[in-house]
């Protein structure tokens, strides 16, 4: 049986249309076309070890790939490009296991915001330092709105992960 293919504009190639890939490509399209996310700042299926700000990480990095990362220029004092948003795409639904997986990835990535995407659901989260936990909302803000929200998100430069050293 021949599987259908989807064109991934970020990786600039045809990929197998798995349920998770359908979620990812629908989200990328919405982010770029409707929410103003710059396509050139999006990265799909990026190995954690390939992320520029993790090249000199003091901790051993897991052999994992980030589903989708939106980078931003000049939001971190030590890096010219830094993860603004880390997204985990799910084939069917969002659950606590997916949230834990995403938070585990972000322990290393240190994006300002995290998100879970499924066919019928989306959750955006940020670390609330005062509460000591992630808070989630069911909205995908525009790129400019998300940049504005970095004011109240716990900045990765605030010392949450001392293993990150400037590259």
Foldseek 3Di string as FASTA:
>chain_A
DDADWDQDPLVRGIDGPALQVVQLRVVLCCQVPPQPQDSPQKDAFAFLCPDVQCVQFQDDDDRGTFGMFGWDAPPDPQDRIATQETEDEDNADDDPVNVVVQVVNCLRRVHQKYWYTYPVFIWIWAQQVVVRGIDIDGDDHHPVVSVVCSVRGPHSVPPSHPRGDRD
